[in-house]
Amino acid sequence: MELKLARPDLDAKPKPISIEKIEEIVKKEGNKIFYFDRENSHKDLMDMVDYFEKKGYSVYFREVKYGLDENDYIYEVHILA
């Protein structure tokens, strides 16, 4: 499964990252917070949360609004090893 990380700028394109790469980073660095772009489907993000919870990680997921527009949000996922 591939997800898109949050854009660093409003004009930038989101960078893709695989769930395997996320798992590799978490194993290497321990607790980690990832920010995902609004272009990701909610279902894909929930599948990722389930994937890590089945592997014994604690996962916190929330939507973060950064503006007044309805589309001004990103997803925050905190994975605890």
Protein backbone atom coordinates (compact mmCIF):
# COMPACT_ATOMS: atom_id res chain seq x y z
CA MET A 1 0.00 0.00 0.00
CA GLU A 2 1.23 3.46 -0.85
CA LEU A 3 0.23 6.65 0.93
CA LYS A 4 1.05 10.30 0.29
CA LEU A 5 2.92 12.36 2.85
CA ALA A 6 1.69 15.89 3.55
CA ARG A 7 2.91 18.60 1.20
CA PRO A 8 5.63 20.88 2.57
CA ASP A 9 4.12 23.79 0.54
CA LEU A 10 0.65 24.37 -0.85
CA ASP A 11 2.03 24.30 -4.41
CA ALA A 12 4.13 21.15 -3.92
CA LYS A 13 3.06 17.64 -4.82
CA PRO A 14 2.69 15.09 -2.01
CA LYS A 15 5.46 12.48 -1.87
CA PRO A 16 4.46 8.80 -1.85
CA ILE A 17 5.61 6.42 0.87
CA SER A 18 4.95 2.70 1.21
CA ILE A 19 3.62 1.09 4.37
CA GLU A 20 6.78 -1.05 4.43
CA LYS A 21 8.95 2.09 4.48
CA ILE A 22 6.85 3.52 7.32
CA GLU A 23 7.33 0.30 9.28
CA GLU A 24 11.08 0.38 8.61
CA ILE A 25 11.29 3.96 9.93
CA VAL A 26 9.29 3.10 13.06
CA LYS A 27 11.46 0.05 13.79
CA LYS A 28 14.61 2.13 13.35
CA GLU A 29 13.57 5.31 15.19
CA GLY A 30 10.88 4.09 17.60
CA ASN A 31 7.94 6.42 18.22
CA LYS A 32 7.21 8.52 15.16
CA ILE A 33 4.65 11.05 13.95
CA PHE A 34 3.70 11.09 10.27
CA TYR A 35 1.63 13.69 8.46
CA PHE A 36 -0.37 12.53 5.44
CA ASP A 37 -1.95 14.54 2.66
CA ARG A 38 -5.70 14.99 2.28
CA GLU A 39 -5.47 13.17 -1.09
CA ASN A 40 -5.25 9.88 0.80
CA SER A 41 -8.51 8.06 1.25
CA HIS A 42 -9.76 7.73 4.80
CA LYS A 43 -10.17 3.99 4.22
CA ASP A 44 -6.50 3.57 3.23
CA LEU A 45 -5.40 5.39 6.38
CA MET A 46 -7.68 3.22 8.53
CA ASP A 47 -6.21 0.14 6.85
CA MET A 48 -2.74 1.42 7.80
CA VAL A 49 -3.85 1.96 11.40
CA ASP A 50 -5.23 -1.61 11.51
CA TYR A 51 -2.00 -2.95 9.97
CA PHE A 52 0.15 -1.43 12.72
CA GLU A 53 -2.26 -2.30 15.54
CA LYS A 54 -2.22 -5.96 14.43
CA LYS A 55 1.59 -5.84 14.70
CA GLY A 56 1.33 -4.66 18.32
CA TYR A 57 1.89 -0.92 17.87
CA SER A 58 -0.27 1.77 19.46
CA VAL A 59 -1.54 4.14 16.79
CA TYR A 60 -3.21 7.52 17.25
CA PHE A 61 -4.95 9.03 14.23
CA ARG A 62 -6.55 12.44 13.83
CA GLU A 63 -7.48 15.04 11.27
CA VAL A 64 -5.67 18.38 11.69
CA LYS A 65 -7.28 21.53 10.27
CA TYR A 66 -4.88 24.35 9.41
CA GLY A 67 -7.23 26.86 7.80
CA LEU A 68 -10.82 27.96 7.50
CA ASP A 69 -11.50 26.25 4.18
CA GLU A 70 -13.17 22.84 4.28
CA ASN A 71 -10.20 21.33 2.39
CA ASP A 72 -7.49 22.78 4.67
CA TYR A 73 -6.59 19.65 6.59
CA ILE A 74 -4.01 16.89 6.85
CA TYR A 75 -3.94 13.63 8.74
CA GLU A 76 -1.66 13.08 11.72
CA VAL A 77 -0.68 9.52 12.64
CA HIS A 78 1.40 8.87 15.75
CA ILE A 79 2.85 5.34 15.89
CA LEU A 80 4.22 4.17 19.24
CA ALA A 81 6.57 1.21 19.24
